[in-house]
Amino acid sequence: MIVVGTCGFCEARKKYFQDFKSVEVQQSFYRVLQDKTLQKWRDESPEDFIFSIKAFQGITHPSTSPTWRRSNISPSKEVGFLKPTQEVFKYWEITLHEAKILGAKFVLIQLPKGFKESEESFNNAEKFFTQIERGDFEIAVELRGWSEKGIKEFVREFDLIDVTDPLVREPLHVGETNYYRLHGTYEKRKIIYKHKYSQEELQGIAKKVKDWNKKESYVYFNNAYMCEDAKNFIQTLVF
């Protein structure tokens, strides 16, 4: 099974629920969302619709990150990088609560480039993942700037789904569920979100996703043309 969606609702929710079978909720990264908002989304969606929720930035991003400018929370210096602090664990509980309301399948942890491939990062992660409640959710992690060896060790040590771009590399975790995020293209290690995927690129992505598929794969577009590209990709999968 291959499921396609976008990172955030790329069109009106009523239409989105008709066009797609899954969404990766982005607002939950920037802000703490109200229960009534999340419940409304769950109630509006089809029964078999699949939610993925992006973990709040207090878990992953330090107070110096520019992403906090869009938040409704003022961060302290004790946030981010999976630090085993009271605040980080509090924000995980908030994310878990939101995921439960949505009936989400996944919780996505997107770590910034500042989360370096280091002993300190592994130590933080070990303390974090051994202490948190996971619930019934699958946890997917996107590591940026790490070596394949480091990523492989990280996701297997902590039983995580390795989130990757199929045009970049094959997933390195051992489970039967794959999770892909397509941000656009890359120039000098910088993401170019204003990239529209060509039909040739979509065909290449489809081939890799099919070749690497074990039980199920989830593909989320996160580029400037994500709505159009995701719909084109669905059609590409048919052929």
C-alpha atoms as a PDB file:
ATOM      1  CA  MET A   1       0.000   0.000   0.000  1.00  0.00           C
ATOM      2  CA  ILE A   2       1.268   3.468  -0.923  1.00  0.00           C
ATOM      3  CA  VAL A   3      -0.472   6.532   0.541  1.00  0.00           C
ATOM      4  CA  VAL A   4       0.141  10.080  -0.712  1.00  0.00           C
ATOM      5  CA  GLY A   5      -0.463  13.404   1.013  1.00  0.00           C
ATOM      6  CA  THR A   6       1.053  16.807   1.676  1.00  0.00           C
ATOM      7  CA  CYS A   7       2.706  18.517   4.622  1.00  0.00           C
ATOM      8  CA  GLY A   8      -0.207  20.617   5.770  1.00  0.00           C
ATOM      9  CA  PHE A   9      -3.573  21.047   4.084  1.00  0.00           C
ATOM     10  CA  CYS A  10      -2.682  22.374   0.628  1.00  0.00           C
ATOM     11  CA  GLU A  11      -6.293  23.219  -0.217  1.00  0.00           C
ATOM     12  CA  ALA A  12      -9.628  23.610   1.579  1.00  0.00           C
ATOM     13  CA  ARG A  13     -10.023  20.738   4.049  1.00  0.00           C
ATOM     14  CA  LYS A  14     -13.304  19.500   2.575  1.00  0.00           C
ATOM     15  CA  LYS A  15     -11.662  19.157  -0.846  1.00  0.00           C
ATOM     16  CA  TYR A  16      -8.446  17.812   0.640  1.00  0.00           C
ATOM     17  CA  PHE A  17     -10.320  14.979   2.335  1.00  0.00           C
ATOM     18  CA  GLN A  18     -11.771  14.082  -1.069  1.00  0.00           C
ATOM     19  CA  ASP A  19      -8.452  14.240  -2.934  1.00  0.00           C
ATOM     20  CA  PHE A  20      -6.075  12.647  -0.411  1.00  0.00           C
ATOM     21  CA  LYS A  21      -6.055   9.875   2.176  1.00  0.00           C
ATOM     22  CA  SER A  22      -3.498  11.337   4.561  1.00  0.00           C
ATOM     23  CA  VAL A  23      -1.981  14.607   5.785  1.00  0.00           C
ATOM     24  CA  GLU A  24       1.045  15.541   7.840  1.00  0.00           C
ATOM     25  CA  VAL A  25      -0.154  18.209  10.285  1.00  0.00           C
ATOM     26  CA  GLN A  26       2.335  21.097  10.332  1.00  0.00           C
ATOM     27  CA  GLN A  27       0.634  23.585  12.654  1.00  0.00           C
ATOM     28  CA  SER A  28       1.437  21.371  15.635  1.00  0.00           C
ATOM     29  CA  PHE A  29       5.146  22.078  15.146  1.00  0.00           C
ATOM     30  CA  TYR A  30       4.762  25.846  15.484  1.00  0.00           C
ATOM     31  CA  ARG A  31       1.927  26.173  17.975  1.00  0.00           C
ATOM     32  CA  VAL A  32       0.099  24.308  20.715  1.00  0.00           C
ATOM     33  CA  LEU A  33      -3.281  23.603  19.113  1.00  0.00           C
ATOM     34  CA  GLN A  34      -6.671  23.697  20.756  1.00  0.00           C
ATOM     35  CA  ASP A  35      -8.449  20.403  21.393  1.00  0.00           C
ATOM     36  CA  LYS A  36     -11.585  21.642  19.630  1.00  0.00           C
ATOM     37  CA  THR A  37      -9.592  22.406  16.461  1.00  0.00           C
ATOM     38  CA  LEU A  38      -8.082  18.933  16.345  1.00  0.00           C
ATOM     39  CA  GLN A  39     -11.401  17.263  17.110  1.00  0.00           C
ATOM     40  CA  LYS A  40     -13.044  19.250  14.316  1.00  0.00           C
ATOM     41  CA  TRP A  41     -10.448  17.993  11.825  1.00  0.00           C
ATOM     42  CA  ARG A  42     -10.965  14.421  12.983  1.00  0.00           C
ATOM     43  CA  ASP A  43     -14.744  14.749  12.746  1.00  0.00           C
ATOM     44  CA  GLU A  44     -14.569  16.301   9.262  1.00  0.00           C
ATOM     45  CA  SER A  45     -12.269  13.615   7.869  1.00  0.00           C
ATOM     46  CA  PRO A  46     -13.317  10.214   6.489  1.00  0.00           C
ATOM     47  CA  GLU A  47     -13.167   7.352   8.959  1.00  0.00           C
ATOM     48  CA  ASP A  48     -10.175   5.766   7.216  1.00  0.00           C
ATOM     49  CA  PHE A  49      -8.255   9.037   6.802  1.00  0.00           C
ATOM     50  CA  ILE A  50      -4.698   8.882   8.205  1.00  0.00           C
ATOM     51  CA  PHE A  51      -3.177  11.702  10.214  1.00  0.00           C
ATOM     52  CA  SER A  52       0.509  12.224  10.896  1.00  0.00           C
ATOM     53  CA  ILE A  53       1.369  14.943  13.388  1.00  0.00           C
ATOM     54  CA  LYS A  54       4.618  16.888  13.516  1.00  0.00           C
ATOM     55  CA  ALA A  55       5.998  17.087  17.047  1.00  0.00           C
ATOM     56  CA  PHE A  56       6.126  20.520  18.681  1.00  0.00           C
ATOM     57  CA  GLN A  57       9.364  22.418  18.142  1.00  0.00           C
ATOM     58  CA  GLY A  58      10.064  22.628  21.876  1.00  0.00           C
ATOM     59  CA  ILE A  59      11.146  18.984  21.637  1.00  0.00           C
ATOM     60  CA  THR A  60      13.541  19.484  18.750  1.00  0.00           C
ATOM     61  CA  HIS A  61      14.512  23.121  18.184  1.00  0.00           C
ATOM     62  CA  PRO A  62      16.491  25.349  20.587  1.00  0.00           C
ATOM     63  CA  SER A  63      15.239  28.756  21.678  1.00  0.00           C
ATOM     64  CA  THR A  64      17.540  30.416  19.111  1.00  0.00           C
ATOM     65  CA  SER A  65      15.709  28.820  16.179  1.00  0.00           C
ATOM     66  CA  PRO A  66      13.847  31.355  13.977  1.00  0.00           C
ATOM     67  CA  THR A  67      10.892  28.959  13.885  1.00  0.00           C
ATOM     68  CA  TRP A  68       9.882  30.182  17.358  1.00  0.00           C
ATOM     69  CA  ARG A  69       8.819  33.502  15.856  1.00  0.00           C
ATOM     70  CA  ARG A  70       5.641  31.767  14.662  1.00  0.00           C
ATOM     71  CA  SER A  71       4.900  30.143  17.999  1.00  0.00           C
ATOM     72  CA  ASN A  72       2.324  30.953  20.661  1.00  0.00           C
ATOM     73  CA  ILE A  73       4.845  29.803  23.291  1.00  0.00           C
ATOM     74  CA  SER A  74       7.884  31.681  24.604  1.00  0.00           C
ATOM     75  CA  PRO A  75      10.770  29.190  24.829  1.00  0.00           C
ATOM     76  CA  SER A  76      13.329  28.862  27.582  1.00  0.00           C
ATOM     77  CA  LYS A  77      16.906  27.725  27.102  1.00  0.00           C
ATOM     78  CA  GLU A  78      15.910  24.212  28.221  1.00  0.00           C
ATOM     79  CA  VAL A  79      14.145  23.259  24.991  1.00  0.00           C
ATOM     80  CA  GLY A  80      15.158  21.405  21.848  1.00  0.00           C
ATOM     81  CA  PHE A  81      17.620  18.715  20.717  1.00  0.00           C
ATOM     82  CA  LEU A  82      15.710  15.974  22.619  1.00  0.00           C
ATOM     83  CA  LYS A  83      17.224  17.244  25.850  1.00  0.00           C
ATOM     84  CA  PRO A  84      15.867  15.185  28.790  1.00  0.00           C
ATOM     85  CA  THR A  85      14.492  18.300  30.521  1.00  0.00           C
ATOM     86  CA  GLN A  86      11.153  18.851  32.205  1.00  0.00           C
ATOM     87  CA  GLU A  87      10.093  21.248  29.462  1.00  0.00           C
ATOM     88  CA  VAL A  88      10.951  18.887  26.606  1.00  0.00           C
ATOM     89  CA  PHE A  89       9.021  16.058  28.254  1.00  0.00           C
ATOM     90  CA  LYS A  90       6.099  18.433  28.825  1.00  0.00           C
ATOM     91  CA  TYR A  91       6.019  19.324  25.137  1.00  0.00           C
ATOM     92  CA  TRP A  92       6.127  15.644  24.219  1.00  0.00           C
ATOM     93  CA  GLU A  93       3.074  15.035  26.406  1.00  0.00           C
ATOM     94  CA  ILE A  94       1.312  17.886  24.611  1.00  0.00           C
ATOM     95  CA  THR A  95       2.180  16.400  21.208  1.00  0.00           C
ATOM     96  CA  LEU A  96       1.017  12.973  22.382  1.00  0.00           C
ATOM     97  CA  HIS A  97      -2.273  14.452  23.600  1.00  0.00           C
ATOM     98  CA  GLU A  98      -2.847  16.130  20.230  1.00  0.00           C
ATOM     99  CA  ALA A  99      -2.015  12.903  18.392  1.00  0.00           C
ATOM    100  CA  LYS A 100      -4.565  11.003  20.467  1.00  0.00           C
ATOM    101  CA  ILE A 101      -7.331  13.467  19.619  1.00  0.00           C
ATOM    102  CA  LEU A 102      -6.557  13.126  15.904  1.00  0.00           C
ATOM    103  CA  GLY A 103      -6.256   9.356  16.145  1.00  0.00           C
ATOM    104  CA  ALA A 104      -2.934   9.826  14.369  1.00  0.00           C
ATOM    105  CA  LYS A 105      -0.880   6.947  13.030  1.00  0.00           C
ATOM    106  CA  PHE A 106       2.469   8.770  13.135  1.00  0.00           C
ATOM    107  CA  VAL A 107       4.311  11.316  15.214  1.00  0.00           C
ATOM    108  CA  LEU A 108       7.047  12.974  13.148  1.00  0.00           C
ATOM    109  CA  ILE A 109      10.137  14.292  14.914  1.00  0.00           C
ATOM    110  CA  GLN A 110      12.020  16.637  12.600  1.00  0.00           C
ATOM    111  CA  LEU A 111      15.443  17.460  13.986  1.00  0.00           C
ATOM    112  CA  PRO A 112      17.365  20.547  12.792  1.00  0.00           C
ATOM    113  CA  LYS A 113      20.895  20.626  11.412  1.00  0.00           C
ATOM    114  CA  GLY A 114      22.022  21.882  14.805  1.00  0.00           C
ATOM    115  CA  PHE A 115      21.297  18.419  16.198  1.00  0.00           C
ATOM    116  CA  LYS A 116      24.751  17.173  15.296  1.00  0.00           C
ATOM    117  CA  GLU A 117      25.876  13.597  14.815  1.00  0.00           C
ATOM    118  CA  SER A 118      27.636  13.384  18.179  1.00  0.00           C
ATOM    119  CA  GLU A 119      27.858  11.481  21.440  1.00  0.00           C
ATOM    120  CA  GLU A 120      25.874  14.235  23.139  1.00  0.00           C
ATOM    121  CA  SER A 121      23.009  13.842  20.678  1.00  0.00           C
ATOM    122  CA  PHE A 122      22.940  10.074  21.160  1.00  0.00           C
ATOM    123  CA  ASN A 123      22.966  10.512  24.929  1.00  0.00           C
ATOM    124  CA  ASN A 124      20.088  12.998  24.781  1.00  0.00           C
ATOM    125  CA  ALA A 125      18.141  10.657  22.500  1.00  0.00           C
ATOM    126  CA  GLU A 126      18.734   7.638  24.717  1.00  0.00           C
ATOM    127  CA  LYS A 127      17.407   9.447  27.792  1.00  0.00           C
ATOM    128  CA  PHE A 128      14.502  10.906  25.831  1.00  0.00           C
ATOM    129  CA  PHE A 129      13.300   7.743  24.104  1.00  0.00           C
ATOM    130  CA  THR A 130      13.691   5.533  27.176  1.00  0.00           C
ATOM    131  CA  GLN A 131      11.549   7.848  29.296  1.00  0.00           C
ATOM    132  CA  ILE A 132       8.724   8.947  27.011  1.00  0.00           C
ATOM    133  CA  GLU A 133       5.391   7.255  26.530  1.00  0.00           C
ATOM    134  CA  ARG A 134       4.968   6.209  22.904  1.00  0.00           C
ATOM    135  CA  GLY A 135       1.311   5.282  22.998  1.00  0.00           C
ATOM    136  CA  ASP A 136       0.100   3.382  19.943  1.00  0.00           C
ATOM    137  CA  PHE A 137       1.906   5.695  17.545  1.00  0.00           C
ATOM    138  CA  GLU A 138       4.738   5.000  15.165  1.00  0.00           C
ATOM    139  CA  ILE A 139       7.523   7.536  15.593  1.00  0.00           C
ATOM    140  CA  ALA A 140       9.262   8.778  12.461  1.00  0.00           C
ATOM    141  CA  VAL A 141      12.425  10.875  12.621  1.00  0.00           C
ATOM    142  CA  GLU A 142      14.053  13.141  10.040  1.00  0.00           C
ATOM    143  CA  LEU A 143      17.765  13.689  10.676  1.00  0.00           C
ATOM    144  CA  ARG A 144      19.541  16.352   8.641  1.00  0.00           C
ATOM    145  CA  GLY A 145      23.263  16.416   7.902  1.00  0.00           C
ATOM    146  CA  TRP A 146      24.001  12.979   9.369  1.00  0.00           C
ATOM    147  CA  SER A 147      25.978  10.198   7.732  1.00  0.00           C
ATOM    148  CA  GLU A 148      24.140   7.078   6.619  1.00  0.00           C
ATOM    149  CA  LYS A 149      26.035   5.113   9.263  1.00  0.00           C
ATOM    150  CA  GLY A 150      24.898   7.508  11.984  1.00  0.00           C
ATOM    151  CA  ILE A 151      21.300   7.524  10.799  1.00  0.00           C
ATOM    152  CA  LYS A 152      21.193   3.734  10.615  1.00  0.00           C
ATOM    153  CA  GLU A 153      22.527   3.395  14.161  1.00  0.00           C
ATOM    154  CA  PHE A 154      20.135   6.066  15.478  1.00  0.00           C
ATOM    155  CA  VAL A 155      16.889   4.741  14.002  1.00  0.00           C
ATOM    156  CA  ARG A 156      17.644   1.124  14.839  1.00  0.00           C
ATOM    157  CA  GLU A 157      18.802   1.857  18.377  1.00  0.00           C
ATOM    158  CA  PHE A 158      15.605   3.758  19.217  1.00  0.00           C
ATOM    159  CA  ASP A 159      13.136   1.808  17.037  1.00  0.00           C
ATOM    160  CA  LEU A 160      12.229   4.696  14.740  1.00  0.00           C
ATOM    161  CA  ILE A 161      11.159   5.081  11.120  1.00  0.00           C
ATOM    162  CA  ASP A 162      13.889   6.706   9.044  1.00  0.00           C
ATOM    163  CA  VAL A 163      12.308   9.592   7.133  1.00  0.00           C
ATOM    164  CA  THR A 164      14.032  10.262   3.841  1.00  0.00           C
ATOM    165  CA  ASP A 165      13.637  11.645   0.332  1.00  0.00           C
ATOM    166  CA  PRO A 166      13.509   8.742  -2.153  1.00  0.00           C
ATOM    167  CA  LEU A 167      15.556  10.773  -4.637  1.00  0.00           C
ATOM    168  CA  VAL A 168      18.337  10.991  -2.050  1.00  0.00           C
ATOM    169  CA  ARG A 169      18.608   7.541  -0.437  1.00  0.00           C
ATOM    170  CA  GLU A 170      16.863   4.372   0.674  1.00  0.00           C
ATOM    171  CA  PRO A 171      15.375   4.197   4.207  1.00  0.00           C
ATOM    172  CA  LEU A 172      17.674   2.619   6.797  1.00  0.00           C
ATOM    173  CA  HIS A 173      15.278   1.359   9.475  1.00  0.00           C
ATOM    174  CA  VAL A 174      14.196  -2.272   9.789  1.00  0.00           C
ATOM    175  CA  GLY A 175      10.403  -1.922   9.958  1.00  0.00           C
ATOM    176  CA  GLU A 176       7.839  -2.561   7.230  1.00  0.00           C
ATOM    177  CA  THR A 177       6.495   0.994   7.045  1.00  0.00           C
ATOM    178  CA  ASN A 178       8.335   3.661   5.037  1.00  0.00           C
ATOM    179  CA  TYR A 179       7.833   7.416   5.412  1.00  0.00           C
ATOM    180  CA  TYR A 180       9.022   9.889   2.771  1.00  0.00           C
ATOM    181  CA  ARG A 181       9.106  13.698   2.701  1.00  0.00           C
ATOM    182  CA  LEU A 182       9.756  15.519  -0.590  1.00  0.00           C
ATOM    183  CA  HIS A 183      10.931  19.091  -0.035  1.00  0.00           C
ATOM    184  CA  GLY A 184      11.940  19.968  -3.591  1.00  0.00           C
ATOM    185  CA  THR A 185      15.481  19.899  -4.876  1.00  0.00           C
ATOM    186  CA  TYR A 186      18.886  20.532  -3.326  1.00  0.00           C
ATOM    187  CA  GLU A 187      21.630  22.976  -4.263  1.00  0.00           C
ATOM    188  CA  LYS A 188      24.866  23.022  -2.247  1.00  0.00           C
ATOM    189  CA  ARG A 189      23.099  21.126   0.567  1.00  0.00           C
ATOM    190  CA  LYS A 190      20.344  23.769   0.707  1.00  0.00           C
ATOM    191  CA  ILE A 191      16.706  22.848   0.118  1.00  0.00           C
ATOM    192  CA  ILE A 192      15.028  24.652  -2.783  1.00  0.00           C
ATOM    193  CA  TYR A 193      11.323  24.477  -1.948  1.00  0.00           C
ATOM    194  CA  LYS A 194      10.319  26.340  -5.118  1.00  0.00           C
ATOM    195  CA  HIS A 195      10.894  23.247  -7.197  1.00  0.00           C
ATOM    196  CA  LYS A 196       8.209  21.648  -9.333  1.00  0.00           C
ATOM    197  CA  TYR A 197       8.770  17.963  -9.949  1.00  0.00           C
ATOM    198  CA  SER A 198       8.944  16.910 -13.582  1.00  0.00           C
ATOM    199  CA  GLN A 199       7.069  13.855 -14.788  1.00  0.00           C
ATOM    200  CA  GLU A 200      10.407  12.089 -15.133  1.00  0.00           C
ATOM    201  CA  GLU A 201      11.235  12.845 -11.499  1.00  0.00           C
ATOM    202  CA  LEU A 202       7.821  11.633 -10.335  1.00  0.00           C
ATOM    203  CA  GLN A 203       8.267   8.410 -12.279  1.00  0.00           C
ATOM    204  CA  GLY A 204      11.670   7.936 -10.668  1.00  0.00           C
ATOM    205  CA  ILE A 205      10.206   8.516  -7.212  1.00  0.00           C
ATOM    206  CA  ALA A 206       7.356   6.088  -7.901  1.00  0.00           C
ATOM    207  CA  LYS A 207       9.773   3.366  -9.017  1.00  0.00           C
ATOM    208  CA  LYS A 208      11.908   3.699  -5.899  1.00  0.00           C
ATOM    209  CA  VAL A 209       8.949   3.843  -3.533  1.00  0.00           C
ATOM    210  CA  LYS A 210       7.512   0.697  -5.137  1.00  0.00           C
ATOM    211  CA  ASP A 211      10.873  -1.107  -5.159  1.00  0.00           C
ATOM    212  CA  TRP A 212      11.510  -0.326  -1.488  1.00  0.00           C
ATOM    213  CA  ASN A 213       7.947  -0.910  -0.326  1.00  0.00           C
ATOM    214  CA  LYS A 214       7.545  -3.753   2.167  1.00  0.00           C
ATOM    215  CA  LYS A 215       4.094  -3.442   3.729  1.00  0.00           C
ATOM    216  CA  GLU A 216       3.129   0.224   3.374  1.00  0.00           C
ATOM    217  CA  SER A 217       4.670   3.539   2.363  1.00  0.00           C
ATOM    218  CA  TYR A 218       3.590   7.120   3.051  1.00  0.00           C
ATOM    219  CA  VAL A 219       4.725   9.900   0.723  1.00  0.00           C
ATOM    220  CA  TYR A 220       4.278  13.542   1.748  1.00  0.00           C
ATOM    221  CA  PHE A 221       5.092  16.465  -0.546  1.00  0.00           C
ATOM    222  CA  ASN A 222       6.415  19.609   1.123  1.00  0.00           C
ATOM    223  CA  ASN A 223       7.481  21.831  -1.786  1.00  0.00           C
ATOM    224  CA  ALA A 224       5.929  25.017  -3.159  1.00  0.00           C
ATOM    225  CA  TYR A 225       3.873  23.033  -5.704  1.00  0.00           C
ATOM    226  CA  MET A 226       2.986  20.217  -3.314  1.00  0.00           C
ATOM    227  CA  CYS A 227      -0.725  20.021  -4.084  1.00  0.00           C
ATOM    228  CA  GLU A 228      -0.275  19.696  -7.838  1.00  0.00           C
ATOM    229  CA  ASP A 229       2.766  17.459  -7.530  1.00  0.00           C
ATOM    230  CA  ALA A 230       1.083  15.126  -5.033  1.00  0.00           C
ATOM    231  CA  LYS A 231      -1.956  14.717  -7.299  1.00  0.00           C
ATOM    232  CA  ASN A 232       0.275  14.067 -10.302  1.00  0.00           C
ATOM    233  CA  PHE A 233       2.215  11.530  -8.264  1.00  0.00           C
ATOM    234  CA  ILE A 234      -0.974   9.642  -7.392  1.00  0.00           C
ATOM    235  CA  GLN A 235      -1.680   9.335 -11.107  1.00  0.00           C
ATOM    236  CA  THR A 236       1.905   8.273 -11.746  1.00  0.00           C
ATOM    237  CA  LEU A 237       1.551   5.417  -9.268  1.00  0.00           C
ATOM    238  CA  VAL A 238      -1.348   3.992 -11.249  1.00  0.00           C
ATOM    239  CA  PHE A 239       0.807   3.406 -14.332  1.00  0.00           C
END
